[in-house]
Amino acid sequence: MNIVHTQIVKIGNSRGVRLPKLLIDQMGFNKEVEIVVQRGQLVLRPVTHPRYGWEEQFLAMAKHGDDKMLDQPTSTQWDRSEWKW
């Protein structure tokens, strides 16, 4: 584990911490990070976009006809007797 000591600096009415470029690169930080308090510690982690690119992929699927259902919908007894539209 790398331990780095740094100063808390005044930024307007707030305070900030300068992160060394080596740590920023090692963590893969871009312009935005998440800050979480966990068990009395501040945890910084890169912001992830888990569904990034999905829209383009859905459009490509539709263009190639790959967005069709594989199975036909089936109804159950409950669907036929209990479900109300």
C-alpha atoms as a PDB file:
ATOM      1  CA  MET A   1       0.000   0.000   0.000  1.00  0.00           C
ATOM      2  CA  ASN A   2       1.342   3.426  -0.953  1.00  0.00           C
ATOM      3  CA  ILE A   3       1.017   6.069   1.755  1.00  0.00           C
ATOM      4  CA  VAL A   4       1.162   9.693   0.683  1.00  0.00           C
ATOM      5  CA  HIS A   5       1.004  12.636   3.076  1.00  0.00           C
ATOM      6  CA  THR A   6      -0.446  15.879   1.723  1.00  0.00           C
ATOM      7  CA  GLN A   7      -1.869  19.161   2.981  1.00  0.00           C
ATOM      8  CA  ILE A   8      -5.483  20.248   3.124  1.00  0.00           C
ATOM      9  CA  VAL A   9      -5.670  23.517   1.172  1.00  0.00           C
ATOM     10  CA  LYS A  10      -8.225  26.311   1.217  1.00  0.00           C
ATOM     11  CA  ILE A  11     -10.289  26.648  -1.983  1.00  0.00           C
ATOM     12  CA  GLY A  12     -12.738  29.532  -1.510  1.00  0.00           C
ATOM     13  CA  ASN A  13     -15.021  28.576   1.376  1.00  0.00           C
ATOM     14  CA  SER A  14     -14.137  24.895   0.943  1.00  0.00           C
ATOM     15  CA  ARG A  15     -11.072  22.782   1.529  1.00  0.00           C
ATOM     16  CA  GLY A  16      -9.352  20.449  -0.875  1.00  0.00           C
ATOM     17  CA  VAL A  17      -6.651  17.847  -1.162  1.00  0.00           C
ATOM     18  CA  ARG A  18      -4.169  17.772  -4.019  1.00  0.00           C
ATOM     19  CA  LEU A  19      -3.636  14.303  -5.423  1.00  0.00           C
ATOM     20  CA  PRO A  20      -0.298  13.431  -7.001  1.00  0.00           C
ATOM     21  CA  LYS A  21      -0.508  12.723 -10.745  1.00  0.00           C
ATOM     22  CA  LEU A  22       0.926   9.242 -10.174  1.00  0.00           C
ATOM     23  CA  LEU A  23      -2.042   8.295  -7.960  1.00  0.00           C
ATOM     24  CA  ILE A  24      -4.542   9.881 -10.355  1.00  0.00           C
ATOM     25  CA  ASP A  25      -3.115   7.876 -13.250  1.00  0.00           C
ATOM     26  CA  GLN A  26      -2.911   4.689 -11.177  1.00  0.00           C
ATOM     27  CA  MET A  27      -6.590   4.979 -10.193  1.00  0.00           C
ATOM     28  CA  GLY A  28      -7.800   5.925 -13.666  1.00  0.00           C
ATOM     29  CA  PHE A  29      -9.411   9.168 -12.478  1.00  0.00           C
ATOM     30  CA  ASN A  30     -10.672  11.493 -15.207  1.00  0.00           C
ATOM     31  CA  LYS A  31     -12.542  14.721 -14.537  1.00  0.00           C
ATOM     32  CA  GLU A  32     -14.981  13.269 -12.034  1.00  0.00           C
ATOM     33  CA  VAL A  33     -14.704  11.017  -8.971  1.00  0.00           C
ATOM     34  CA  GLU A  34     -17.146   9.613  -6.441  1.00  0.00           C
ATOM     35  CA  ILE A  35     -16.477  10.314  -2.778  1.00  0.00           C
ATOM     36  CA  VAL A  36     -18.010   7.907  -0.267  1.00  0.00           C
ATOM     37  CA  VAL A  37     -17.744   7.784   3.513  1.00  0.00           C
ATOM     38  CA  GLN A  38     -17.177   4.191   4.627  1.00  0.00           C
ATOM     39  CA  ARG A  39     -16.475   3.258   8.243  1.00  0.00           C
ATOM     40  CA  GLY A  40     -14.941   6.648   9.049  1.00  0.00           C
ATOM     41  CA  GLN A  41     -12.854   6.849   5.877  1.00  0.00           C
ATOM     42  CA  LEU A  42     -13.220   8.865   2.694  1.00  0.00           C
ATOM     43  CA  VAL A  43     -13.061   6.624  -0.336  1.00  0.00           C
ATOM     44  CA  LEU A  44     -12.428   8.129  -3.769  1.00  0.00           C
ATOM     45  CA  ARG A  45     -13.217   6.043  -6.813  1.00  0.00           C
ATOM     46  CA  PRO A  46     -13.592   6.707 -10.516  1.00  0.00           C
ATOM     47  CA  VAL A  47     -17.087   7.441 -11.743  1.00  0.00           C
ATOM     48  CA  THR A  48     -18.271   4.534 -13.848  1.00  0.00           C
ATOM     49  CA  HIS A  49     -21.013   4.530 -16.414  1.00  0.00           C
ATOM     50  CA  PRO A  50     -22.089   0.872 -16.523  1.00  0.00           C
ATOM     51  CA  ARG A  51     -24.579   1.411 -19.357  1.00  0.00           C
ATOM     52  CA  TYR A  52     -22.291   3.615 -21.443  1.00  0.00           C
ATOM     53  CA  GLY A  53     -22.715   2.797 -25.126  1.00  0.00           C
ATOM     54  CA  TRP A  54     -25.933   0.800 -24.698  1.00  0.00           C
ATOM     55  CA  GLU A  55     -28.000   3.184 -26.824  1.00  0.00           C
ATOM     56  CA  GLU A  56     -25.642   2.831 -29.799  1.00  0.00           C
ATOM     57  CA  GLN A  57     -25.639  -0.944 -29.382  1.00  0.00           C
ATOM     58  CA  PHE A  58     -29.452  -1.091 -29.288  1.00  0.00           C
ATOM     59  CA  LEU A  59     -29.618   1.001 -32.466  1.00  0.00           C
ATOM     60  CA  ALA A  60     -27.105  -1.304 -34.169  1.00  0.00           C
ATOM     61  CA  MET A  61     -29.141  -4.348 -33.092  1.00  0.00           C
ATOM     62  CA  ALA A  62     -32.327  -2.819 -34.532  1.00  0.00           C
ATOM     63  CA  LYS A  63     -30.547  -1.959 -37.775  1.00  0.00           C
ATOM     64  CA  HIS A  64     -29.438  -5.582 -38.202  1.00  0.00           C
ATOM     65  CA  GLY A  65     -32.746  -7.091 -37.014  1.00  0.00           C
ATOM     66  CA  ASP A  66     -31.157  -8.544 -33.898  1.00  0.00           C
ATOM     67  CA  ASP A  67     -33.668  -6.978 -31.519  1.00  0.00           C
ATOM     68  CA  LYS A  68     -36.443  -9.539 -31.949  1.00  0.00           C
ATOM     69  CA  MET A  69     -37.675 -11.776 -29.144  1.00  0.00           C
ATOM     70  CA  LEU A  70     -36.217 -15.273 -29.253  1.00  0.00           C
ATOM     71  CA  ASP A  71     -39.309 -16.936 -27.778  1.00  0.00           C
ATOM     72  CA  GLN A  72     -42.974 -16.207 -28.282  1.00  0.00           C
ATOM     73  CA  PRO A  73     -44.752 -14.864 -25.200  1.00  0.00           C
ATOM     74  CA  THR A  74     -46.780 -17.480 -23.367  1.00  0.00           C
ATOM     75  CA  SER A  75     -49.617 -16.874 -20.975  1.00  0.00           C
ATOM     76  CA  THR A  76     -50.307 -18.737 -17.774  1.00  0.00           C
ATOM     77  CA  GLN A  77     -53.584 -19.646 -16.109  1.00  0.00           C
ATOM     78  CA  TRP A  78     -53.091 -16.655 -13.814  1.00  0.00           C
ATOM     79  CA  ASP A  79     -52.674 -14.369 -16.855  1.00  0.00           C
ATOM     80  CA  ARG A  80     -55.931 -15.651 -18.339  1.00  0.00           C
ATOM     81  CA  SER A  81     -58.055 -15.630 -15.186  1.00  0.00           C
ATOM     82  CA  GLU A  82     -56.621 -13.094 -12.728  1.00  0.00           C
ATOM     83  CA  TRP A  83     -54.884 -10.362 -14.691  1.00  0.00           C
ATOM     84  CA  LYS A  84     -56.970  -7.264 -15.373  1.00  0.00           C
ATOM     85  CA  TRP A  85     -55.963  -4.714 -18.025  1.00  0.00           C
END
